C-alpha atoms as a PDB file:
ATOM      1  CA  MET A   1     -64.967 172.814 166.215  1.00  0.00           C
ATOM      2  CA  PHE A   2     -63.323 174.309 163.171  1.00  0.00           C
ATOM      3  CA  LYS A   3     -60.104 174.986 164.988  1.00  0.00           C
ATOM      4  CA  LYS A   4     -59.917 171.436 166.285  1.00  0.00           C
ATOM      5  CA  THR A   5     -60.573 170.001 162.799  1.00  0.00           C
ATOM      6  CA  SER A   6     -57.845 172.256 161.321  1.00  0.00           C
ATOM      7  CA  LYS A   7     -55.299 171.032 163.764  1.00  0.00           C
ATOM      8  CA  ILE A   8     -56.056 167.390 162.932  1.00  0.00           C
ATOM      9  CA  THR A   9     -55.782 168.162 159.195  1.00  0.00           C
ATOM     10  CA  VAL A  10     -52.445 169.877 159.618  1.00  0.00           C
ATOM     11  CA  LEU A  11     -51.038 166.987 161.670  1.00  0.00           C
ATOM     12  CA  MET A  12     -52.183 164.507 158.972  1.00  0.00           C
ATOM     13  CA  ILE A  13     -50.490 166.558 156.259  1.00  0.00           C
ATOM     14  CA  ILE A  14     -47.183 166.671 158.224  1.00  0.00           C
ATOM     15  CA  ILE A  15     -47.314 162.878 158.667  1.00  0.00           C
ATOM     16  CA  PHE A  16     -48.113 162.371 154.980  1.00  0.00           C
ATOM     17  CA  LEU A  17     -45.286 164.643 153.904  1.00  0.00           C
ATOM     18  CA  CYS A  18     -42.759 162.946 156.198  1.00  0.00           C
ATOM     19  CA  CYS A  19     -43.762 159.508 154.905  1.00  0.00           C
ATOM     20  CA  CYS A  20     -43.683 160.583 151.255  1.00  0.00           C
ATOM     21  CA  GLY A  21     -40.467 162.533 151.446  1.00  0.00           C
ATOM     22  CA  LYS A  22     -38.361 159.342 151.332  1.00  0.00           C
ATOM     23  CA  LYS A  23     -39.243 156.267 149.260  1.00  0.00           C
ATOM     24  CA  GLY A  24     -39.122 152.823 150.779  1.00  0.00           C
ATOM     25  CA  ASP A  25     -39.901 151.428 154.188  1.00  0.00           C
ATOM     26  CA  LEU A  26     -37.924 152.257 157.280  1.00  0.00           C
ATOM     27  CA  THR A  27     -35.474 149.521 158.074  1.00  0.00           C
ATOM     28  CA  LEU A  28     -33.578 148.449 161.160  1.00  0.00           C
ATOM     29  CA  ARG A  29     -30.367 149.533 159.468  1.00  0.00           C
ATOM     30  CA  SER A  30     -31.596 153.061 159.001  1.00  0.00           C
ATOM     31  CA  GLN A  31     -32.214 153.297 162.772  1.00  0.00           C
ATOM     32  CA  GLU A  32     -28.802 151.949 163.832  1.00  0.00           C
ATOM     33  CA  LYS A  33     -26.891 154.088 166.288  1.00  0.00           C
ATOM     34  CA  PRO A  34     -23.925 156.122 164.954  1.00  0.00           C
ATOM     35  CA  VAL A  35     -20.492 154.471 165.160  1.00  0.00           C
ATOM     36  CA  ILE A  36     -18.622 155.929 168.155  1.00  0.00           C
ATOM     37  CA  ILE A  37     -15.774 153.459 168.344  1.00  0.00           C
ATOM     38  CA  LYS A  38     -12.872 154.788 166.254  1.00  0.00           C
ATOM     39  CA  GLY A  39      -9.550 153.434 165.138  1.00  0.00           C
ATOM     40  CA  PHE A  40     -10.509 149.755 165.684  1.00  0.00           C
ATOM     41  CA  ASN A  41      -7.360 147.849 164.684  1.00  0.00           C
ATOM     42  CA  ALA A  42      -5.130 144.927 165.618  1.00  0.00           C
ATOM     43  CA  ILE A  43      -1.436 143.966 165.977  1.00  0.00           C
ATOM     44  CA  HIS A  44      -0.391 140.292 166.012  1.00  0.00           C
ATOM     45  CA  ARG A  45       2.638 139.387 168.146  1.00  0.00           C
ATOM     46  CA  ASP A  46       3.823 135.848 168.506  1.00  0.00           C
ATOM     47  CA  LYS A  47       0.683 133.922 169.834  1.00  0.00           C
ATOM     48  CA  GLU A  48      -1.277 137.005 170.882  1.00  0.00           C
ATOM     49  CA  LEU A  49      -3.517 139.481 169.084  1.00  0.00           C
ATOM     50  CA  TYR A  50      -3.737 142.974 170.520  1.00  0.00           C
ATOM     51  CA  LEU A  51      -6.887 144.960 169.734  1.00  0.00           C
ATOM     52  CA  PHE A  52      -6.955 148.777 169.876  1.00  0.00           C
ATOM     53  CA  TRP A  53      -9.647 151.409 169.602  1.00  0.00           C
ATOM     54  CA  SER A  54     -10.721 154.789 170.911  1.00  0.00           C
ATOM     55  CA  LEU A  55     -14.019 156.004 172.286  1.00  0.00           C
ATOM     56  CA  GLN A  56     -15.183 159.567 171.737  1.00  0.00           C
ATOM     57  CA  GLU A  57     -14.791 161.465 175.049  1.00  0.00           C
ATOM     58  CA  VAL A  58     -18.149 163.271 174.685  1.00  0.00           C
ATOM     59  CA  GLU A  59     -19.892 159.894 174.476  1.00  0.00           C
ATOM     60  CA  LYS A  60     -18.287 158.217 177.530  1.00  0.00           C
ATOM     61  CA  ALA A  61     -20.613 159.825 180.023  1.00  0.00           C
ATOM     62  CA  LYS A  62     -23.641 158.239 178.308  1.00  0.00           C
ATOM     63  CA  ILE A  63     -22.238 154.750 178.242  1.00  0.00           C
ATOM     64  CA  LYS A  64     -22.548 152.036 180.884  1.00  0.00           C
ATOM     65  CA  HIS A  65     -20.110 149.595 179.287  1.00  0.00           C
ATOM     66  CA  CYS A  66     -19.104 148.065 175.986  1.00  0.00           C
ATOM     67  CA  VAL A  67     -18.956 144.466 174.878  1.00  0.00           C
ATOM     68  CA  LEU A  68     -16.286 142.936 172.603  1.00  0.00           C
ATOM     69  CA  PHE A  69     -17.671 140.224 170.304  1.00  0.00           C
ATOM     70  CA  ARG A  70     -15.715 137.705 168.273  1.00  0.00           C
ATOM     71  CA  SER A  71     -16.566 135.263 165.492  1.00  0.00           C
ATOM     72  CA  LYS A  72     -14.295 132.564 164.053  1.00  0.00           C
ATOM     73  CA  ASN A  73     -14.332 132.021 160.266  1.00  0.00           C
ATOM     74  CA  ASN A  74     -17.928 133.294 160.138  1.00  0.00           C
ATOM     75  CA  GLU A  75     -18.945 136.927 160.157  1.00  0.00           C
ATOM     76  CA  ASN A  76     -22.486 136.046 161.226  1.00  0.00           C
ATOM     77  CA  ASN A  77     -21.796 134.004 164.376  1.00  0.00           C
ATOM     78  CA  PHE A  78     -20.572 136.510 166.923  1.00  0.00           C
ATOM     79  CA  VAL A  79     -20.337 135.602 170.614  1.00  0.00           C
ATOM     80  CA  PRO A  80     -19.469 137.942 173.561  1.00  0.00           C
ATOM     81  CA  LEU A  81     -15.806 137.782 174.452  1.00  0.00           C
ATOM     82  CA  TYR A  82     -15.290 140.455 177.100  1.00  0.00           C
ATOM     83  CA  ILE A  83     -17.138 143.271 178.913  1.00  0.00           C
ATOM     84  CA  LEU A  84     -15.167 146.512 178.517  1.00  0.00           C
ATOM     85  CA  GLN A  85     -15.195 149.552 180.771  1.00  0.00           C
ATOM     86  CA  THR A  86     -15.265 152.927 178.981  1.00  0.00           C
ATOM     87  CA  SER A  87     -11.668 153.576 180.269  1.00  0.00           C
ATOM     88  CA  GLU A  88     -10.317 150.565 178.404  1.00  0.00           C
ATOM     89  CA  ASN A  89      -9.039 150.851 174.871  1.00  0.00           C
ATOM     90  CA  THR A  90      -7.000 147.666 174.413  1.00  0.00           C
ATOM     91  CA  TYR A  91      -7.632 143.937 174.658  1.00  0.00           C
ATOM     92  CA  LYS A  92      -5.244 140.993 174.378  1.00  0.00           C
ATOM     93  CA  ASP A  93      -6.678 137.920 172.762  1.00  0.00           C
ATOM     94  CA  ASN A  94      -4.340 134.963 173.458  1.00  0.00           C
ATOM     95  CA  SER A  95      -6.680 132.249 172.131  1.00  0.00           C
ATOM     96  CA  ILE A  96      -6.123 132.851 168.422  1.00  0.00           C
ATOM     97  CA  GLU A  97      -5.094 130.152 165.965  1.00  0.00           C
ATOM     98  CA  PHE A  98      -2.843 130.612 162.962  1.00  0.00           C
ATOM     99  CA  ASN A  99      -4.286 130.472 159.434  1.00  0.00           C
ATOM    100  CA  ASN A 100      -7.844 131.080 160.711  1.00  0.00           C
ATOM    101  CA  THR A 101      -9.888 134.233 160.194  1.00  0.00           C
ATOM    102  CA  PHE A 102     -11.377 136.075 163.155  1.00  0.00           C
ATOM    103  CA  PHE A 103     -13.983 138.851 163.189  1.00  0.00           C
ATOM    104  CA  TYR A 104     -14.340 141.378 166.004  1.00  0.00           C
ATOM    105  CA  LYS A 105     -16.764 144.180 166.816  1.00  0.00           C
ATOM    106  CA  ILE A 106     -17.644 146.273 169.781  1.00  0.00           C
ATOM    107  CA  LYS A 107     -21.042 147.327 170.940  1.00  0.00           C
ATOM    108  CA  CYS A 108     -21.634 149.984 173.586  1.00  0.00           C
ATOM    109  CA  TYR A 109     -24.704 150.324 175.823  1.00  0.00           C
ATOM    110  CA  THR A 110     -26.258 153.203 177.714  1.00  0.00           C
ATOM    111  CA  LEU A 111     -27.086 153.205 181.364  1.00  0.00           C
ATOM    112  CA  ASN A 112     -30.507 151.678 180.656  1.00  0.00           C
ATOM    113  CA  ASP A 113     -28.896 148.976 178.467  1.00  0.00           C
ATOM    114  CA  SER A 114     -30.036 150.323 175.087  1.00  0.00           C
ATOM    115  CA  LEU A 115     -27.566 150.314 172.193  1.00  0.00           C
ATOM    116  CA  ALA A 116     -25.450 153.480 172.147  1.00  0.00           C
ATOM    117  CA  GLY A 117     -23.123 152.642 169.304  1.00  0.00           C
ATOM    118  CA  LEU A 118     -21.035 150.001 167.610  1.00  0.00           C
ATOM    119  CA  SER A 119     -17.702 149.676 165.823  1.00  0.00           C
ATOM    120  CA  GLN A 120     -17.019 148.501 162.313  1.00  0.00           C
ATOM    121  CA  THR A 121     -16.297 144.850 161.993  1.00  0.00           C
ATOM    122  CA  LEU A 122     -12.573 144.051 162.151  1.00  0.00           C
ATOM    123  CA  LYS A 123     -11.311 141.091 160.088  1.00  0.00           C
ATOM    124  CA  VAL A 124      -7.965 139.529 160.895  1.00  0.00           C
ATOM    125  CA  SER A 125      -6.156 136.427 159.624  1.00  0.00           C
ATOM    126  CA  PRO A 126      -3.012 135.904 161.820  1.00  0.00           C
ATOM    127  CA  ILE A 127      -0.254 133.723 160.357  1.00  0.00           C
ATOM    128  CA  LYS A 128       2.737 132.187 162.122  1.00  0.00           C
ATOM    129  CA  PRO A 129       5.282 134.916 162.524  1.00  0.00           C
ATOM    130  CA  PRO A 130       9.034 134.594 161.810  1.00  0.00           C
ATOM    131  CA  PRO A 131      11.446 133.591 164.581  1.00  0.00           C
ATOM    132  CA  LYS A 132      12.819 136.296 166.848  1.00  0.00           C
ATOM    133  CA  PRO A 133      16.052 138.062 165.826  1.00  0.00           C
ATOM    134  CA  GLN A 134      19.196 136.468 167.162  1.00  0.00           C
ATOM    135  CA  GLU A 135      22.768 137.519 167.748  1.00  0.00           C
ATOM    136  CA  VAL A 136      21.958 141.249 168.213  1.00  0.00           C
ATOM    137  CA  TYR A 137      24.985 143.431 168.931  1.00  0.00           C
ATOM    138  CA  LEU A 138      25.585 147.102 169.200  1.00  0.00           C
ATOM    139  CA  SER A 139      28.473 149.331 168.117  1.00  0.00           C
ATOM    140  CA  ILE A 140      29.135 153.005 168.757  1.00  0.00           C
ATOM    141  CA  THR A 141      30.395 155.206 165.875  1.00  0.00           C
ATOM    142  CA  PHE A 142      31.575 158.798 165.932  1.00  0.00           C
ATOM    143  CA  ASP A 143      28.050 160.222 165.686  1.00  0.00           C
ATOM    144  CA  GLU A 144      25.478 157.396 166.065  1.00  0.00           C
ATOM    145  CA  ILE A 145      24.943 153.857 167.291  1.00  0.00           C
ATOM    146  CA  LYS A 146      24.430 150.798 165.081  1.00  0.00           C
ATOM    147  CA  LEU A 147      22.273 147.770 165.935  1.00  0.00           C
ATOM    148  CA  LYS A 148      22.852 144.688 163.878  1.00  0.00           C
ATOM    149  CA  TRP A 149      21.373 141.169 164.014  1.00  0.00           C
ATOM    150  CA  GLN A 150      21.286 137.879 162.172  1.00  0.00           C
ATOM    151  CA  ASN A 151      19.190 138.097 159.014  1.00  0.00           C
ATOM    152  CA  ILE A 152      15.984 136.157 158.728  1.00  0.00           C
ATOM    153  CA  GLU A 153      14.975 135.177 155.212  1.00  0.00           C
ATOM    154  CA  GLY A 154      11.681 136.778 154.013  1.00  0.00           C
ATOM    155  CA  ALA A 155      11.258 138.895 157.132  1.00  0.00           C
ATOM    156  CA  LYS A 156      11.312 142.572 157.853  1.00  0.00           C
ATOM    157  CA  TYR A 157      12.041 144.200 161.222  1.00  0.00           C
ATOM    158  CA  ASN A 158      10.789 146.744 163.736  1.00  0.00           C
ATOM    159  CA  VAL A 159      12.966 148.344 166.349  1.00  0.00           C
ATOM    160  CA  TYR A 160      11.529 149.443 169.739  1.00  0.00           C
ATOM    161  CA  LYS A 161      13.219 151.936 172.089  1.00  0.00           C
ATOM    162  CA  SER A 162      12.572 152.608 175.762  1.00  0.00           C
ATOM    163  CA  PHE A 163      14.133 154.287 178.807  1.00  0.00           C
ATOM    164  CA  GLU A 164      12.843 151.464 180.958  1.00  0.00           C
ATOM    165  CA  LYS A 165      13.983 147.867 180.495  1.00  0.00           C
ATOM    166  CA  GLY A 166      11.239 145.590 179.208  1.00  0.00           C
ATOM    167  CA  LEU A 167       8.692 148.421 178.861  1.00  0.00           C
ATOM    168  CA  TYR A 168       8.064 149.330 175.240  1.00  0.00           C
ATOM    169  CA  SER A 169       5.245 150.939 173.310  1.00  0.00           C
ATOM    170  CA  PHE A 170       3.552 149.355 170.256  1.00  0.00           C
ATOM    171  CA  THR A 171       5.059 152.082 168.009  1.00  0.00           C
ATOM    172  CA  PRO A 172       8.482 151.306 166.577  1.00  0.00           C
ATOM    173  CA  ILE A 173      11.092 154.016 166.099  1.00  0.00           C
ATOM    174  CA  ASN A 174      11.421 153.168 162.419  1.00  0.00           C
ATOM    175  CA  LYS A 175       8.697 154.770 160.319  1.00  0.00           C
ATOM    176  CA  THR A 176       8.308 151.763 158.021  1.00  0.00           C
ATOM    177  CA  PRO A 177       9.432 148.123 158.474  1.00  0.00           C
ATOM    178  CA  ILE A 178      13.176 147.669 157.929  1.00  0.00           C
ATOM    179  CA  ASN A 179      14.395 145.537 155.053  1.00  0.00           C
ATOM    180  CA  ASN A 180      17.972 145.298 156.249  1.00  0.00           C
ATOM    181  CA  ASN A 181      19.358 143.515 159.288  1.00  0.00           C
ATOM    182  CA  TYR A 182      20.750 146.692 160.928  1.00  0.00           C
ATOM    183  CA  PHE A 183      19.454 150.022 162.244  1.00  0.00           C
ATOM    184  CA  LEU A 184      21.217 153.364 162.993  1.00  0.00           C
ATOM    185  CA  ASP A 185      20.010 155.600 165.746  1.00  0.00           C
ATOM    186  CA  GLN A 186      21.048 158.935 167.294  1.00  0.00           C
ATOM    187  CA  ILE A 187      23.042 158.878 170.539  1.00  0.00           C
ATOM    188  CA  ASN A 188      21.543 159.807 173.854  1.00  0.00           C
ATOM    189  CA  LYS A 189      24.353 161.075 176.080  1.00  0.00           C
ATOM    190  CA  GLU A 190      22.224 161.611 179.152  1.00  0.00           C
ATOM    191  CA  ARG A 191      20.168 158.501 179.755  1.00  0.00           C
ATOM    192  CA  THR A 192      20.382 154.742 179.603  1.00  0.00           C
ATOM    193  CA  VAL A 193      18.430 153.465 176.535  1.00  0.00           C
ATOM    194  CA  TYR A 194      17.050 150.003 175.808  1.00  0.00           C
ATOM    195  CA  TYR A 195      16.229 148.431 172.417  1.00  0.00           C
ATOM    196  CA  GLN A 196      14.298 145.381 171.234  1.00  0.00           C
ATOM    197  CA  ILE A 197      14.022 144.053 167.731  1.00  0.00           C
ATOM    198  CA  ARG A 198      11.070 142.061 166.341  1.00  0.00           C
ATOM    199  CA  ALA A 199      10.948 140.282 163.001  1.00  0.00           C
ATOM    200  CA  LEU A 200       7.675 140.491 161.046  1.00  0.00           C
ATOM    201  CA  TYR A 201       5.837 139.676 157.862  1.00  0.00           C
ATOM    202  CA  ASP A 202       4.590 143.037 156.609  1.00  0.00           C
ATOM    203  CA  SER A 203       0.864 142.378 156.809  1.00  0.00           C
ATOM    204  CA  SER A 204      -1.969 144.703 157.912  1.00  0.00           C
ATOM    205  CA  ILE A 205      -1.609 143.346 161.485  1.00  0.00           C
ATOM    206  CA  ARG A 206       2.215 143.071 161.385  1.00  0.00           C
ATOM    207  CA  ASP A 207       2.500 139.345 162.341  1.00  0.00           C
ATOM    208  CA  GLU A 208       5.477 140.093 164.562  1.00  0.00           C
ATOM    209  CA  SER A 209       7.799 137.645 166.266  1.00  0.00           C
ATOM    210  CA  SER A 210       8.581 137.541 169.981  1.00  0.00           C
ATOM    211  CA  PRO A 211      11.216 140.215 170.884  1.00  0.00           C
ATOM    212  CA  SER A 212      15.016 139.918 170.818  1.00  0.00           C
ATOM    213  CA  GLU A 213      16.920 140.255 174.039  1.00  0.00           C
ATOM    214  CA  ASP A 214      16.996 143.712 175.506  1.00  0.00           C
ATOM    215  CA  ILE A 215      19.989 145.690 174.245  1.00  0.00           C
ATOM    216  CA  GLU A 216      21.168 148.212 176.791  1.00  0.00           C
ATOM    217  CA  ILE A 217      23.353 151.251 176.162  1.00  0.00           C
ATOM    218  CA  SER A 218      24.227 153.589 178.962  1.00  0.00           C
ATOM    219  CA  PRO A 219      26.274 156.875 178.900  1.00  0.00           C
ATOM    220  CA  ASP A 220      29.320 155.089 180.436  1.00  0.00           C
ATOM    221  CA  LYS A 221      29.654 153.077 177.217  1.00  0.00           C
ATOM    222  CA  PHE A 222      30.655 156.146 175.297  1.00  0.00           C
ATOM    223  CA  ILE A 223      34.426 156.285 175.651  1.00  0.00           C
ATOM    224  CA  PRO A 224      36.176 158.643 173.176  1.00  0.00           C
ATOM    225  CA  THR A 225      39.339 157.884 171.302  1.00  0.00           C
ATOM    226  CA  PRO A 226      42.478 159.532 172.673  1.00  0.00           C
ATOM    227  CA  PRO A 227      43.204 163.049 171.233  1.00  0.00           C
ATOM    228  CA  LYS A 228      45.841 163.128 168.536  1.00  0.00           C
ATOM    229  CA  GLY A 229      48.266 165.662 167.101  1.00  0.00           C
ATOM    230  CA  LEU A 230      49.218 167.376 170.319  1.00  0.00           C
ATOM    231  CA  GLU A 231      51.763 170.173 169.682  1.00  0.00           C
ATOM    232  CA  VAL A 232      53.181 173.115 171.558  1.00  0.00           C
ATOM    233  CA  ILE A 233      54.075 176.676 170.568  1.00  0.00           C
ATOM    234  CA  VAL A 234      56.094 178.673 173.084  1.00  0.00           C
ATOM    235  CA  LEU A 235      55.923 182.414 172.835  1.00  0.00           C
ATOM    236  CA  LYS A 236      57.628 184.547 175.553  1.00  0.00           C
ATOM    237  CA  ASP A 237      55.914 183.610 178.787  1.00  0.00           C
ATOM    238  CA  LYS A 238      53.053 181.615 177.299  1.00  0.00           C
ATOM    239  CA  ILE A 239      52.736 177.988 176.210  1.00  0.00           C
ATOM    240  CA  TYR A 240      50.148 177.272 173.524  1.00  0.00           C
ATOM    241  CA  LEU A 241      48.892 173.717 173.496  1.00  0.00           C
ATOM    242  CA  ILE A 242      47.008 172.666 170.352  1.00  0.00           C
ATOM    243  CA  TRP A 243      45.662 169.314 169.087  1.00  0.00           C
ATOM    244  CA  ASP A 244      43.286 167.806 166.538  1.00  0.00           C
ATOM    245  CA  SER A 245      39.522 167.825 167.290  1.00  0.00           C
ATOM    246  CA  ASN A 246      38.153 164.436 168.176  1.00  0.00           C
ATOM    247  CA  PRO A 247      35.977 162.768 165.558  1.00  0.00           C
ATOM    248  CA  GLU A 248      33.217 161.946 168.073  1.00  0.00           C
ATOM    249  CA  SER A 249      30.282 164.354 167.951  1.00  0.00           C
ATOM    250  CA  TRP A 250      29.168 163.364 171.442  1.00  0.00           C
ATOM    251  CA  ILE A 251      32.246 164.427 173.474  1.00  0.00           C
ATOM    252  CA  LYS A 252      31.785 167.143 176.124  1.00  0.00           C
ATOM    253  CA  GLY A 253      35.204 168.643 175.743  1.00  0.00           C
ATOM    254  CA  TYR A 254      38.825 168.069 176.753  1.00  0.00           C
ATOM    255  CA  LYS A 255      40.858 167.795 179.934  1.00  0.00           C
ATOM    256  CA  ILE A 256      44.450 169.001 180.200  1.00  0.00           C
ATOM    257  CA  TYR A 257      46.789 167.284 182.682  1.00  0.00           C
ATOM    258  CA  ARG A 258      50.203 168.585 183.711  1.00  0.00           C
ATOM    259  CA  LYS A 259      53.252 167.511 185.669  1.00  0.00           C
ATOM    260  CA  ILE A 260      56.080 169.931 186.469  1.00  0.00           C
ATOM    261  CA  ASP A 261      59.656 168.551 186.725  1.00  0.00           C
ATOM    262  CA  SER A 262      59.990 166.783 190.067  1.00  0.00           C
ATOM    263  CA  GLN A 263      56.295 166.122 190.676  1.00  0.00           C
ATOM    264  CA  ASN A 264      55.406 162.446 190.952  1.00  0.00           C
ATOM    265  CA  GLU A 265      51.900 162.567 189.492  1.00  0.00           C
ATOM    266  CA  PHE A 266      49.913 164.467 186.899  1.00  0.00           C
ATOM    267  CA  SER A 267      47.182 166.790 188.051  1.00  0.00           C
ATOM    268  CA  LEU A 268      44.213 168.256 186.203  1.00  0.00           C
ATOM    269  CA  LEU A 269      45.186 171.661 184.936  1.00  0.00           C
ATOM    270  CA  ALA A 270      42.076 172.799 182.999  1.00  0.00           C
ATOM    271  CA  GLU A 271      39.009 171.748 180.976  1.00  0.00           C
ATOM    272  CA  THR A 272      38.108 173.210 177.597  1.00  0.00           C
ATOM    273  CA  SER A 273      35.503 172.720 174.842  1.00  0.00           C
ATOM    274  CA  LEU A 274      38.078 173.694 172.145  1.00  0.00           C
ATOM    275  CA  PRO A 275      41.229 171.877 171.083  1.00  0.00           C
ATOM    276  CA  ILE A 276      43.531 174.586 172.447  1.00  0.00           C
ATOM    277  CA  HIS A 277      44.800 175.714 175.814  1.00  0.00           C
ATOM    278  CA  ILE A 278      47.195 178.514 176.931  1.00  0.00           C
ATOM    279  CA  ASP A 279      49.403 177.885 179.953  1.00  0.00           C
ATOM    280  CA  GLU A 280      51.895 180.004 181.845  1.00  0.00           C
ATOM    281  CA  LYS A 281      55.484 179.185 181.044  1.00  0.00           C
ATOM    282  CA  THR A 282      57.591 177.905 183.978  1.00  0.00           C
ATOM    283  CA  PRO A 283      61.369 177.710 184.401  1.00  0.00           C
ATOM    284  CA  ASN A 284      61.102 173.886 184.881  1.00  0.00           C
ATOM    285  CA  LYS A 285      60.482 171.029 182.498  1.00  0.00           C
ATOM    286  CA  THR A 286      56.707 170.507 182.055  1.00  0.00           C
ATOM    287  CA  ILE A 287      54.916 167.454 180.725  1.00  0.00           C
ATOM    288  CA  TYR A 288      51.383 167.494 179.367  1.00  0.00           C
ATOM    289  CA  TYR A 289      48.776 165.039 178.125  1.00  0.00           C
ATOM    290  CA  ILE A 290      45.173 165.492 176.986  1.00  0.00           C
ATOM    291  CA  THR A 291      41.996 163.403 177.338  1.00  0.00           C
ATOM    292  CA  ALA A 292      38.627 163.758 175.652  1.00  0.00           C
ATOM    293  CA  ALA A 293      35.666 163.807 178.001  1.00  0.00           C
ATOM    294  CA  GLY A 294      32.719 161.549 177.194  1.00  0.00           C
ATOM    295  CA  PRO A 295      29.309 161.699 178.829  1.00  0.00           C
ATOM    296  CA  GLN A 296      30.670 159.897 181.908  1.00  0.00           C
ATOM    297  CA  LYS A 297      34.143 158.561 181.128  1.00  0.00           C
ATOM    298  CA  GLU A 298      37.356 159.972 179.704  1.00  0.00           C
ATOM    299  CA  SER A 299      39.374 158.706 176.748  1.00  0.00           C
ATOM    300  CA  PRO A 300      42.772 157.147 177.222  1.00  0.00           C
ATOM    301  CA  PRO A 301      45.462 159.862 177.381  1.00  0.00           C
ATOM    302  CA  SER A 302      47.123 161.356 174.341  1.00  0.00           C
ATOM    303  CA  ASP A 303      50.765 161.034 173.740  1.00  0.00           C
ATOM    304  CA  LEU A 304      52.919 162.933 176.210  1.00  0.00           C
ATOM    305  CA  LEU A 305      54.220 166.383 175.262  1.00  0.00           C
ATOM    306  CA  ILE A 306      57.339 167.641 177.016  1.00  0.00           C
ATOM    307  CA  VAL A 307      58.305 171.294 177.229  1.00  0.00           C
ATOM    308  CA  GLN A 308      61.963 171.684 178.255  1.00  0.00           C
ATOM    309  CA  ASN A 309      63.158 174.194 180.897  1.00  0.00           C
ATOM    310  CA  GLU A 310      65.073 177.298 179.830  1.00  0.00           C
ATOM    311  CA  LYS A 311      68.541 175.840 180.735  1.00  0.00           C
ATOM    312  CA  GLU A 312      67.910 172.721 178.615  1.00  0.00           C
ATOM    313  CA  GLU A 313      66.659 174.818 175.751  1.00  0.00           C
ATOM    314  CA  LYS A 314      69.816 177.020 175.781  1.00  0.00           C
ATOM    315  CA  GLU A 315      72.058 173.934 175.921  1.00  0.00           C
ATOM    316  CA  ARG A 316      70.262 172.607 172.846  1.00  0.00           C
END
């Protein structure tokens, strides 16, 4: 009897201590599930709002599905918008209206439909974005490419890059929105690259325009300028051809073409990565020209260089 009474007394003390250890009544808020939806954010493009989030991998196995809720102009009047699978982490809302405020939140439920977690409330106020950039053109310099477009007053710009036409990520290649109406990028000599430009008002949700036309640049667009300054030095039985280095950083090297006296056509003699070539001297008149080799196409030829035969040299 004593042992039984002692157990009851100990239990009552534990309950008393637990209740007194924290002042105030337990509330529903104190029993809310932990937030397991991370990075809940939005990007506004044209007439569509894209929502993004991430779900902790360790929690996915416990969850049956999640529900996206939305409220218009009122944070207390949420209605279900879409049932999400745990594999989904984006949603496109194409029913937004400019100059209204929308609230979003996500709730996740376990296999027995009890609440497993919820996101923070996301508040967005999309505005009408600027018009899309027009008159976009591309130029190739000696060491980079330049995109330029018609300026839009009050707008900034994001540039998107892809190796597949029409397929772009949501992350621009510029780290911060561009204030100017041009962008410089490094050259890719091996693959065809596509660009799109979007104008935006630099808000928390971007408020981006629809995209410009795709701008394509392929390796065959890189055509070097013709080599210049071709000279010859003749020493005994050797001919030394030298010329100025090309200004383009993206050339692969140079090609040397030669025609000897009575030959009708030039033929490729050699290829080199340096602006110099050594050839064997011949008793006949020899004509040379050089081209610079781009990623796929050669430059126009340099000026012709003529090396006279020995008889003509003596007569001179």
